[in-house]
Amino acid sequence: MTKTWNGWGSGFLGMLIFSGSLPATRLAVMDFSPSFLTAARAVIAAMLAALLLGLSRAPRPARADYIPLMAVAAGVVIGFPLLTGLALRHIDAARSVVFVGLLPLATALFGVWRAGERPRPAFWLFSLLGAATIAGFAWHSSGPGSLTGDLLMVAAIAACGLGYAEGGRLARHLGGWQVISWALILALPLMAAIALVTLPATWHHISRASWAALAYVSVFSMLVGFVFWYRGLALGGIAGVGQLQLLQPFFGLALAALVLGEPVAWPMIAAILAVVLCVMGTRRFAGP
């Protein structure tokens, strides 16, 4: 029981950190191209990860772990940041929440497929209700849609769900921070090449807000958040702890309101309460 609660606590901290990712990405792509932002954040995080691995003298992963680690890199280091960065050039941050609300369900599905988890039927009911609550709220609150932006977000959710499930499975024997660190190292050569090719032509136009956003997504979204998140998935279960992501859009919208001055209306508060109940339900029925 203590192990499970530690997993949920660690997962909650990771979710809080990830909540700032979309608002920060929205700020960063105002001055950086999505391709450069994706590559730069991965390169910065990989350098920090290499330092951690070196100082701790962590052993290398087993040969059988490299393909799953590449799936993690493809999903959360390359796929999700790039696809969301591209999508946010076509849709607003509020509309992207419609799709982020589907991420817990995607993570649970990949957890069943890749990690062999078997939640009880009631778990899926609460998971679907939570996803529907977020999607309905965000759809009502979002701006005009874009087929290109919507399709990019669907692809981003699929990539991220797979990366979360693979990372949570690997963290059971590698450890949470080692999983994201080795995934970043594997992606470094490609990300460094992309960063060099997509360097901004000039730097003087880049605002302090964009630099701060780049720093946040590099250090926190790309590394620190995953340390807590993968530890949480490993200890508390991929399908169960993954449902904490149902709360992420609301923390993200709260941060957007704080940074961008957007109002917080009563439907958001009502939706938060409904989602909290759904998370409690998924936690109750996450085990077999």
C-alpha atoms as a PDB file:
ATOM      1  CA  MET A   1       0.000   0.000   0.000  1.00  0.00           C
ATOM      2  CA  THR A   2       2.854   2.391   0.904  1.00  0.00           C
ATOM      3  CA  LYS A   3       4.523   1.624  -2.425  1.00  0.00           C
ATOM      4  CA  THR A   4       1.309   2.413  -4.288  1.00  0.00           C
ATOM      5  CA  TRP A   5       0.781   5.699  -2.450  1.00  0.00           C
ATOM      6  CA  ASN A   6       4.417   6.675  -3.092  1.00  0.00           C
ATOM      7  CA  GLY A   7       3.783   5.967  -6.767  1.00  0.00           C
ATOM      8  CA  TRP A   8       0.695   8.186  -6.860  1.00  0.00           C
ATOM      9  CA  GLY A   9       2.513  10.954  -4.976  1.00  0.00           C
ATOM     10  CA  SER A  10       5.463  10.838  -7.336  1.00  0.00           C
ATOM     11  CA  GLY A  11       3.137  10.736 -10.335  1.00  0.00           C
ATOM     12  CA  PHE A  12       1.250  13.769  -9.014  1.00  0.00           C
ATOM     13  CA  LEU A  13       4.474  15.794  -8.816  1.00  0.00           C
ATOM     14  CA  GLY A  14       5.340  14.773 -12.369  1.00  0.00           C
ATOM     15  CA  MET A  15       1.874  15.770 -13.545  1.00  0.00           C
ATOM     16  CA  LEU A  16       2.211  19.200 -11.900  1.00  0.00           C
ATOM     17  CA  ILE A  17       5.478  19.799 -13.721  1.00  0.00           C
ATOM     18  CA  PHE A  18       4.005  18.679 -17.052  1.00  0.00           C
ATOM     19  CA  SER A  19       1.085  21.069 -16.554  1.00  0.00           C
ATOM     20  CA  GLY A  20       3.324  23.946 -17.525  1.00  0.00           C
ATOM     21  CA  SER A  21       4.455  22.329 -20.775  1.00  0.00           C
ATOM     22  CA  LEU A  22       1.702  23.492 -23.139  1.00  0.00           C
ATOM     23  CA  PRO A  23       1.589  27.103 -21.881  1.00  0.00           C
ATOM     24  CA  ALA A  24       5.392  27.250 -22.071  1.00  0.00           C
ATOM     25  CA  THR A  25       5.401  25.692 -25.547  1.00  0.00           C
ATOM     26  CA  ARG A  26       2.782  28.193 -26.658  1.00  0.00           C
ATOM     27  CA  LEU A  27       5.068  31.015 -25.516  1.00  0.00           C
ATOM     28  CA  ALA A  28       8.207  29.504 -27.003  1.00  0.00           C
ATOM     29  CA  VAL A  29       6.838  28.902 -30.522  1.00  0.00           C
ATOM     30  CA  MET A  30       6.111  32.605 -30.821  1.00  0.00           C
ATOM     31  CA  ASP A  31       9.848  33.132 -31.407  1.00  0.00           C
ATOM     32  CA  PHE A  32      11.290  29.649 -32.046  1.00  0.00           C
ATOM     33  CA  SER A  33      10.282  27.238 -34.791  1.00  0.00           C
ATOM     34  CA  PRO A  34       8.661  24.005 -33.526  1.00  0.00           C
ATOM     35  CA  SER A  35      11.515  21.977 -35.022  1.00  0.00           C
ATOM     36  CA  PHE A  36      14.222  23.997 -33.270  1.00  0.00           C
ATOM     37  CA  LEU A  37      12.286  24.044 -30.001  1.00  0.00           C
ATOM     38  CA  THR A  38      11.877  20.259 -30.038  1.00  0.00           C
ATOM     39  CA  ALA A  39      15.549  19.694 -30.813  1.00  0.00           C
ATOM     40  CA  ALA A  40      16.936  22.340 -28.481  1.00  0.00           C
ATOM     41  CA  ARG A  41      14.962  21.168 -25.455  1.00  0.00           C
ATOM     42  CA  ALA A  42      16.107  17.584 -26.063  1.00  0.00           C
ATOM     43  CA  VAL A  43      19.760  18.594 -26.475  1.00  0.00           C
ATOM     44  CA  ILE A  44      19.767  20.669 -23.295  1.00  0.00           C
ATOM     45  CA  ALA A  45      18.038  17.909 -21.319  1.00  0.00           C
ATOM     46  CA  ALA A  46      20.373  15.260 -22.790  1.00  0.00           C
ATOM     47  CA  MET A  47      23.444  17.172 -21.637  1.00  0.00           C
ATOM     48  CA  LEU A  48      22.036  17.330 -18.111  1.00  0.00           C
ATOM     49  CA  ALA A  49      21.111  13.625 -18.314  1.00  0.00           C
ATOM     50  CA  ALA A  50      24.645  12.716 -19.423  1.00  0.00           C
ATOM     51  CA  LEU A  51      26.005  14.605 -16.428  1.00  0.00           C
ATOM     52  CA  LEU A  52      23.688  12.725 -14.075  1.00  0.00           C
ATOM     53  CA  LEU A  53      24.568   9.356 -15.579  1.00  0.00           C
ATOM     54  CA  GLY A  54      28.270  10.142 -15.389  1.00  0.00           C
ATOM     55  CA  LEU A  55      28.229  11.368 -11.791  1.00  0.00           C
ATOM     56  CA  SER A  56      26.174   8.381 -10.626  1.00  0.00           C
ATOM     57  CA  ARG A  57      28.151   5.886 -12.728  1.00  0.00           C
ATOM     58  CA  ALA A  58      24.870   4.286 -13.735  1.00  0.00           C
ATOM     59  CA  PRO A  59      25.248   0.967 -15.585  1.00  0.00           C
ATOM     60  CA  ARG A  60      24.239   0.775 -19.211  1.00  0.00           C
ATOM     61  CA  PRO A  61      20.845  -0.736 -20.043  1.00  0.00           C
ATOM     62  CA  ALA A  62      20.653  -4.365 -21.125  1.00  0.00           C
ATOM     63  CA  ARG A  63      20.604  -5.032 -24.858  1.00  0.00           C
ATOM     64  CA  ALA A  64      16.905  -5.960 -24.688  1.00  0.00           C
ATOM     65  CA  ASP A  65      16.100  -2.508 -23.265  1.00  0.00           C
ATOM     66  CA  TYR A  66      17.390  -0.478 -26.215  1.00  0.00           C
ATOM     67  CA  ILE A  67      14.394  -0.940 -28.530  1.00  0.00           C
ATOM     68  CA  PRO A  68      11.886   0.047 -25.790  1.00  0.00           C
ATOM     69  CA  LEU A  69      14.136   3.006 -24.922  1.00  0.00           C
ATOM     70  CA  MET A  70      14.049   4.068 -28.568  1.00  0.00           C
ATOM     71  CA  ALA A  71      10.248   3.891 -28.399  1.00  0.00           C
ATOM     72  CA  VAL A  72      10.373   6.187 -25.355  1.00  0.00           C
ATOM     73  CA  ALA A  73      12.667   8.575 -27.224  1.00  0.00           C
ATOM     74  CA  ALA A  74      10.444   8.522 -30.318  1.00  0.00           C
ATOM     75  CA  GLY A  75       7.304   9.113 -28.252  1.00  0.00           C
ATOM     76  CA  VAL A  76       8.184  11.644 -25.554  1.00  0.00           C
ATOM     77  CA  VAL A  77      11.519  13.147 -26.615  1.00  0.00           C
ATOM     78  CA  ILE A  78      10.754  13.671 -30.312  1.00  0.00           C
ATOM     79  CA  GLY A  79       7.117  12.884 -31.178  1.00  0.00           C
ATOM     80  CA  PHE A  80       5.013  14.653 -28.548  1.00  0.00           C
ATOM     81  CA  PRO A  81       7.069  17.889 -28.316  1.00  0.00           C
ATOM     82  CA  LEU A  82       7.359  18.249 -32.093  1.00  0.00           C
ATOM     83  CA  LEU A  83       3.756  17.385 -32.908  1.00  0.00           C
ATOM     84  CA  THR A  84       2.301  19.625 -30.190  1.00  0.00           C
ATOM     85  CA  GLY A  85       4.609  22.470 -31.224  1.00  0.00           C
ATOM     86  CA  LEU A  86       3.365  22.149 -34.805  1.00  0.00           C
ATOM     87  CA  ALA A  87      -0.257  21.798 -33.665  1.00  0.00           C
ATOM     88  CA  LEU A  88      -0.096  24.937 -31.512  1.00  0.00           C
ATOM     89  CA  ARG A  89       0.654  26.946 -34.628  1.00  0.00           C
ATOM     90  CA  HIS A  90      -2.810  25.976 -35.929  1.00  0.00           C
ATOM     91  CA  ILE A  91      -4.949  25.766 -32.769  1.00  0.00           C
ATOM     92  CA  ASP A  92      -4.978  27.579 -29.446  1.00  0.00           C
ATOM     93  CA  ALA A  93      -3.811  26.090 -26.134  1.00  0.00           C
ATOM     94  CA  ALA A  94      -7.391  25.667 -24.895  1.00  0.00           C
ATOM     95  CA  ARG A  95      -8.337  23.492 -27.863  1.00  0.00           C
ATOM     96  CA  SER A  96      -5.248  21.337 -27.389  1.00  0.00           C
ATOM     97  CA  VAL A  97      -6.640  20.428 -23.961  1.00  0.00           C
ATOM     98  CA  VAL A  98      -9.449  18.559 -25.744  1.00  0.00           C
ATOM     99  CA  PHE A  99      -6.855  16.069 -26.921  1.00  0.00           C
ATOM    100  CA  VAL A 100      -4.687  16.076 -23.792  1.00  0.00           C
ATOM    101  CA  GLY A 101      -7.808  14.854 -22.007  1.00  0.00           C
ATOM    102  CA  LEU A 102      -7.502  11.644 -24.046  1.00  0.00           C
ATOM    103  CA  LEU A 103      -3.910  11.005 -22.947  1.00  0.00           C
ATOM    104  CA  PRO A 104      -4.764   9.105 -19.727  1.00  0.00           C
ATOM    105  CA  LEU A 105      -6.954   6.717 -21.713  1.00  0.00           C
ATOM    106  CA  ALA A 106      -4.233   6.264 -24.345  1.00  0.00           C
ATOM    107  CA  THR A 107      -1.662   5.581 -21.613  1.00  0.00           C
ATOM    108  CA  ALA A 108      -3.930   2.982 -20.006  1.00  0.00           C
ATOM    109  CA  LEU A 109      -4.515   1.231 -23.341  1.00  0.00           C
ATOM    110  CA  PHE A 110      -0.789   1.059 -24.049  1.00  0.00           C
ATOM    111  CA  GLY A 111      -0.226  -0.095 -20.454  1.00  0.00           C
ATOM    112  CA  VAL A 112      -2.554  -3.036 -21.063  1.00  0.00           C
ATOM    113  CA  TRP A 113      -0.852  -3.848 -24.355  1.00  0.00           C
ATOM    114  CA  ARG A 114       2.800  -3.345 -23.422  1.00  0.00           C
ATOM    115  CA  ALA A 115       2.897  -3.949 -19.662  1.00  0.00           C
ATOM    116  CA  GLY A 116       0.171  -6.586 -19.299  1.00  0.00           C
ATOM    117  CA  GLU A 117      -1.881  -4.602 -16.795  1.00  0.00           C
ATOM    118  CA  ARG A 118      -5.515  -5.638 -16.263  1.00  0.00           C
ATOM    119  CA  PRO A 119      -7.641  -2.920 -14.622  1.00  0.00           C
ATOM    120  CA  ARG A 120     -11.174  -3.797 -13.580  1.00  0.00           C
ATOM    121  CA  PRO A 121     -14.135  -2.839 -15.837  1.00  0.00           C
ATOM    122  CA  ALA A 122     -15.154   0.023 -13.520  1.00  0.00           C
ATOM    123  CA  PHE A 123     -11.731   1.598 -14.109  1.00  0.00           C
ATOM    124  CA  TRP A 124     -12.524   2.067 -17.794  1.00  0.00           C
ATOM    125  CA  LEU A 125     -15.876   3.635 -16.936  1.00  0.00           C
ATOM    126  CA  PHE A 126     -14.256   6.279 -14.711  1.00  0.00           C
ATOM    127  CA  SER A 127     -11.454   6.804 -17.239  1.00  0.00           C
ATOM    128  CA  LEU A 128     -13.936   7.405 -20.073  1.00  0.00           C
ATOM    129  CA  LEU A 129     -16.027   9.730 -17.892  1.00  0.00           C
ATOM    130  CA  GLY A 130     -12.925  11.732 -16.985  1.00  0.00           C
ATOM    131  CA  ALA A 131     -11.793  11.995 -20.598  1.00  0.00           C
ATOM    132  CA  ALA A 132     -15.298  13.006 -21.697  1.00  0.00           C
ATOM    133  CA  THR A 133     -15.473  15.675 -18.974  1.00  0.00           C
ATOM    134  CA  ILE A 134     -12.189  17.240 -20.051  1.00  0.00           C
ATOM    135  CA  ALA A 135     -12.972  17.008 -23.752  1.00  0.00           C
ATOM    136  CA  GLY A 136     -16.425  18.514 -23.270  1.00  0.00           C
ATOM    137  CA  PHE A 137     -15.142  21.366 -21.126  1.00  0.00           C
ATOM    138  CA  ALA A 138     -12.210  22.145 -23.417  1.00  0.00           C
ATOM    139  CA  TRP A 139     -14.317  21.867 -26.571  1.00  0.00           C
ATOM    140  CA  HIS A 140     -16.794  24.366 -25.153  1.00  0.00           C
ATOM    141  CA  SER A 141     -13.977  26.721 -24.102  1.00  0.00           C
ATOM    142  CA  SER A 142     -11.736  26.433 -27.160  1.00  0.00           C
ATOM    143  CA  GLY A 143     -11.407  28.659 -30.175  1.00  0.00           C
ATOM    144  CA  PRO A 144     -11.913  27.717 -33.845  1.00  0.00           C
ATOM    145  CA  GLY A 145     -10.606  24.344 -34.928  1.00  0.00           C
ATOM    146  CA  SER A 146      -8.174  23.319 -37.620  1.00  0.00           C
ATOM    147  CA  LEU A 147      -8.085  19.891 -39.235  1.00  0.00           C
ATOM    148  CA  THR A 148      -4.289  20.048 -39.467  1.00  0.00           C
ATOM    149  CA  GLY A 149      -3.908  21.066 -35.838  1.00  0.00           C
ATOM    150  CA  ASP A 150      -6.402  18.462 -34.636  1.00  0.00           C
ATOM    151  CA  LEU A 151      -4.720  15.625 -36.547  1.00  0.00           C
ATOM    152  CA  LEU A 152      -1.317  16.668 -35.216  1.00  0.00           C
ATOM    153  CA  MET A 153      -2.667  16.544 -31.665  1.00  0.00           C
ATOM    154  CA  VAL A 154      -4.149  13.057 -32.215  1.00  0.00           C
ATOM    155  CA  ALA A 155      -0.747  11.839 -33.418  1.00  0.00           C
ATOM    156  CA  ALA A 156       0.933  13.531 -30.444  1.00  0.00           C
ATOM    157  CA  ILE A 157      -1.353  11.772 -27.960  1.00  0.00           C
ATOM    158  CA  ALA A 158      -0.709   8.363 -29.537  1.00  0.00           C
ATOM    159  CA  ALA A 159       3.071   8.922 -29.475  1.00  0.00           C
ATOM    160  CA  CYS A 160       3.018  10.145 -25.884  1.00  0.00           C
ATOM    161  CA  GLY A 161       0.793   7.321 -24.629  1.00  0.00           C
ATOM    162  CA  LEU A 162       3.197   4.741 -26.033  1.00  0.00           C
ATOM    163  CA  GLY A 163       6.217   6.574 -24.609  1.00  0.00           C
ATOM    164  CA  TYR A 164       4.628   6.772 -21.165  1.00  0.00           C
ATOM    165  CA  ALA A 165       3.691   3.088 -21.106  1.00  0.00           C
ATOM    166  CA  GLU A 166       7.096   1.895 -22.340  1.00  0.00           C
ATOM    167  CA  GLY A 167       8.876   4.194 -19.904  1.00  0.00           C
ATOM    168  CA  GLY A 168       6.769   3.061 -16.972  1.00  0.00           C
ATOM    169  CA  ARG A 169       7.454  -0.568 -17.820  1.00  0.00           C
ATOM    170  CA  LEU A 170      11.203   0.024 -18.099  1.00  0.00           C
ATOM    171  CA  ALA A 171      11.320   2.067 -14.891  1.00  0.00           C
ATOM    172  CA  ARG A 172      10.375  -1.043 -12.919  1.00  0.00           C
ATOM    173  CA  HIS A 173      13.922  -2.334 -13.330  1.00  0.00           C
ATOM    174  CA  LEU A 174      15.944   0.630 -14.659  1.00  0.00           C
ATOM    175  CA  GLY A 175      14.581   3.404 -12.451  1.00  0.00           C
ATOM    176  CA  GLY A 176      12.618   6.478 -13.527  1.00  0.00           C
ATOM    177  CA  TRP A 177      15.458   8.959 -14.008  1.00  0.00           C
ATOM    178  CA  GLN A 178      17.611   6.396 -15.817  1.00  0.00           C
ATOM    179  CA  VAL A 179      14.840   5.688 -18.349  1.00  0.00           C
ATOM    180  CA  ILE A 180      14.409   9.295 -19.471  1.00  0.00           C
ATOM    181  CA  SER A 181      18.172   9.915 -19.276  1.00  0.00           C
ATOM    182  CA  TRP A 182      19.063   7.015 -21.591  1.00  0.00           C
ATOM    183  CA  ALA A 183      16.192   7.895 -23.937  1.00  0.00           C
ATOM    184  CA  LEU A 184      17.563  11.445 -24.211  1.00  0.00           C
ATOM    185  CA  ILE A 185      21.072  10.127 -24.870  1.00  0.00           C
ATOM    186  CA  LEU A 186      19.792   7.864 -27.649  1.00  0.00           C
ATOM    187  CA  ALA A 187      17.984  10.790 -29.269  1.00  0.00           C
ATOM    188  CA  LEU A 188      20.895  13.234 -28.866  1.00  0.00           C
ATOM    189  CA  PRO A 189      22.690  12.724 -32.225  1.00  0.00           C
ATOM    190  CA  LEU A 190      19.494  13.276 -34.228  1.00  0.00           C
ATOM    191  CA  MET A 191      18.302  16.159 -32.047  1.00  0.00           C
ATOM    192  CA  ALA A 192      21.690  17.898 -32.178  1.00  0.00           C
ATOM    193  CA  ALA A 193      21.707  17.686 -35.993  1.00  0.00           C
ATOM    194  CA  ILE A 194      18.161  19.083 -36.208  1.00  0.00           C
ATOM    195  CA  ALA A 195      19.036  21.899 -33.789  1.00  0.00           C
ATOM    196  CA  LEU A 196      21.994  22.934 -35.942  1.00  0.00           C
ATOM    197  CA  VAL A 197      19.959  22.848 -39.157  1.00  0.00           C
ATOM    198  CA  THR A 198      17.050  24.816 -37.684  1.00  0.00           C
ATOM    199  CA  LEU A 199      18.991  27.464 -35.757  1.00  0.00           C
ATOM    200  CA  PRO A 200      17.210  30.837 -35.818  1.00  0.00           C
ATOM    201  CA  ALA A 201      18.606  33.201 -38.443  1.00  0.00           C
ATOM    202  CA  THR A 202      18.813  35.945 -35.821  1.00  0.00           C
ATOM    203  CA  TRP A 203      18.580  35.956 -32.041  1.00  0.00           C
ATOM    204  CA  HIS A 204      17.857  39.582 -31.174  1.00  0.00           C
ATOM    205  CA  HIS A 205      14.094  39.239 -31.717  1.00  0.00           C
ATOM    206  CA  ILE A 206      13.680  36.426 -29.177  1.00  0.00           C
ATOM    207  CA  SER A 207      11.910  37.677 -26.059  1.00  0.00           C
ATOM    208  CA  ARG A 208      12.821  36.885 -22.473  1.00  0.00           C
ATOM    209  CA  ALA A 209       9.529  35.025 -22.134  1.00  0.00           C
ATOM    210  CA  SER A 210      10.502  32.684 -24.982  1.00  0.00           C
ATOM    211  CA  TRP A 211      13.932  32.050 -23.430  1.00  0.00           C
ATOM    212  CA  ALA A 212      12.282  31.302 -20.087  1.00  0.00           C
ATOM    213  CA  ALA A 213       9.806  28.973 -21.807  1.00  0.00           C
ATOM    214  CA  LEU A 214      12.669  27.143 -23.545  1.00  0.00           C
ATOM    215  CA  ALA A 215      14.428  26.724 -20.208  1.00  0.00           C
ATOM    216  CA  TYR A 216      11.273  25.342 -18.587  1.00  0.00           C
ATOM    217  CA  VAL A 217      10.482  22.771 -21.275  1.00  0.00           C
ATOM    218  CA  SER A 218      14.146  21.708 -21.430  1.00  0.00           C
ATOM    219  CA  VAL A 219      14.866  21.230 -17.733  1.00  0.00           C
ATOM    220  CA  PHE A 220      11.473  20.510 -16.212  1.00  0.00           C
ATOM    221  CA  SER A 221       9.191  19.159 -18.969  1.00  0.00           C
ATOM    222  CA  MET A 222      11.913  17.097 -20.629  1.00  0.00           C
ATOM    223  CA  LEU A 223      13.838  15.774 -17.615  1.00  0.00           C
ATOM    224  CA  VAL A 224      12.760  16.570 -14.053  1.00  0.00           C
ATOM    225  CA  GLY A 225       9.078  15.853 -14.666  1.00  0.00           C
ATOM    226  CA  PHE A 226       9.874  12.445 -16.133  1.00  0.00           C
ATOM    227  CA  VAL A 227      11.984  11.492 -13.115  1.00  0.00           C
ATOM    228  CA  PHE A 228       8.871  11.724 -10.933  1.00  0.00           C
ATOM    229  CA  TRP A 229       6.432  10.531 -13.596  1.00  0.00           C
ATOM    230  CA  TYR A 230       8.179   7.292 -14.553  1.00  0.00           C
ATOM    231  CA  ARG A 231       8.837   6.494 -10.902  1.00  0.00           C
ATOM    232  CA  GLY A 232       5.134   6.968 -10.246  1.00  0.00           C
ATOM    233  CA  LEU A 233       4.104   4.721 -13.139  1.00  0.00           C
ATOM    234  CA  ALA A 234       6.520   2.017 -12.009  1.00  0.00           C
ATOM    235  CA  LEU A 235       5.372   2.023  -8.370  1.00  0.00           C
ATOM    236  CA  GLY A 236       1.672   2.765  -8.718  1.00  0.00           C
ATOM    237  CA  GLY A 237       0.833   1.123 -12.053  1.00  0.00           C
ATOM    238  CA  ILE A 238       0.777   2.586 -15.545  1.00  0.00           C
ATOM    239  CA  ALA A 239      -2.987   2.528 -16.069  1.00  0.00           C
ATOM    240  CA  GLY A 240      -3.861   3.846 -12.599  1.00  0.00           C
ATOM    241  CA  VAL A 241      -1.267   6.583 -12.076  1.00  0.00           C
ATOM    242  CA  GLY A 242      -1.665   7.574 -15.722  1.00  0.00           C
ATOM    243  CA  GLN A 243      -5.170   8.827 -14.846  1.00  0.00           C
ATOM    244  CA  LEU A 244      -3.600  11.684 -12.880  1.00  0.00           C
ATOM    245  CA  GLN A 245      -3.171  13.274 -16.283  1.00  0.00           C
ATOM    246  CA  LEU A 246      -6.901  13.979 -16.140  1.00  0.00           C
ATOM    247  CA  LEU A 247      -5.995  16.796 -13.750  1.00  0.00           C
ATOM    248  CA  GLN A 248      -3.178  18.155 -15.906  1.00  0.00           C
ATOM    249  CA  PRO A 249      -5.315  20.282 -18.268  1.00  0.00           C
ATOM    250  CA  PHE A 250      -6.838  22.184 -15.365  1.00  0.00           C
ATOM    251  CA  PHE A 251      -3.488  22.955 -13.779  1.00  0.00           C
ATOM    252  CA  GLY A 252      -2.295  23.949 -17.256  1.00  0.00           C
ATOM    253  CA  LEU A 253      -5.262  26.273 -17.746  1.00  0.00           C
ATOM    254  CA  ALA A 254      -4.675  27.741 -14.280  1.00  0.00           C
ATOM    255  CA  LEU A 255      -1.061  28.474 -15.223  1.00  0.00           C
ATOM    256  CA  ALA A 256      -2.208  29.959 -18.520  1.00  0.00           C
ATOM    257  CA  ALA A 257      -4.623  32.177 -16.595  1.00  0.00           C
ATOM    258  CA  LEU A 258      -1.807  33.251 -14.273  1.00  0.00           C
ATOM    259  CA  VAL A 259       0.671  33.936 -17.080  1.00  0.00           C
ATOM    260  CA  LEU A 260      -1.704  35.233 -19.771  1.00  0.00           C
ATOM    261  CA  GLY A 261      -4.354  36.778 -17.526  1.00  0.00           C
ATOM    262  CA  GLU A 262      -7.197  34.588 -18.798  1.00  0.00           C
ATOM    263  CA  PRO A 263     -10.268  34.398 -16.505  1.00  0.00           C
ATOM    264  CA  VAL A 264     -11.225  31.243 -14.588  1.00  0.00           C
ATOM    265  CA  ALA A 265     -14.963  30.606 -15.013  1.00  0.00           C
ATOM    266  CA  TRP A 266     -17.238  28.455 -12.852  1.00  0.00           C
ATOM    267  CA  PRO A 267     -17.547  25.650 -15.474  1.00  0.00           C
ATOM    268  CA  MET A 268     -13.825  25.029 -15.040  1.00  0.00           C
ATOM    269  CA  ILE A 269     -14.261  24.613 -11.266  1.00  0.00           C
ATOM    270  CA  ALA A 270     -17.210  22.257 -11.769  1.00  0.00           C
ATOM    271  CA  ALA A 271     -15.241  20.207 -14.303  1.00  0.00           C
ATOM    272  CA  ILE A 272     -12.285  19.980 -11.908  1.00  0.00           C
ATOM    273  CA  LEU A 273     -14.490  18.567  -9.164  1.00  0.00           C
ATOM    274  CA  ALA A 274     -15.952  15.993 -11.561  1.00  0.00           C
ATOM    275  CA  VAL A 275     -12.491  14.960 -12.743  1.00  0.00           C
ATOM    276  CA  VAL A 276     -11.204  14.599  -9.176  1.00  0.00           C
ATOM    277  CA  LEU A 277     -14.034  12.145  -8.515  1.00  0.00           C
ATOM    278  CA  CYS A 278     -13.108  10.234 -11.683  1.00  0.00           C
ATOM    279  CA  VAL A 279      -9.443  10.046 -10.618  1.00  0.00           C
ATOM    280  CA  MET A 280     -10.515   8.706  -7.225  1.00  0.00           C
ATOM    281  CA  GLY A 281     -12.621   6.105  -9.008  1.00  0.00           C
ATOM    282  CA  THR A 282      -9.817   5.007 -11.325  1.00  0.00           C
ATOM    283  CA  ARG A 283      -7.462   4.660  -8.374  1.00  0.00           C
ATOM    284  CA  ARG A 284     -10.004   2.467  -6.568  1.00  0.00           C
ATOM    285  CA  PHE A 285     -10.438   0.105  -9.531  1.00  0.00           C
ATOM    286  CA  ALA A 286      -6.967   0.225 -11.151  1.00  0.00           C
ATOM    287  CA  GLY A 287      -5.910  -3.155  -9.737  1.00  0.00           C
ATOM    288  CA  PRO A 288      -7.098  -6.534 -11.050  1.00  0.00           C
END
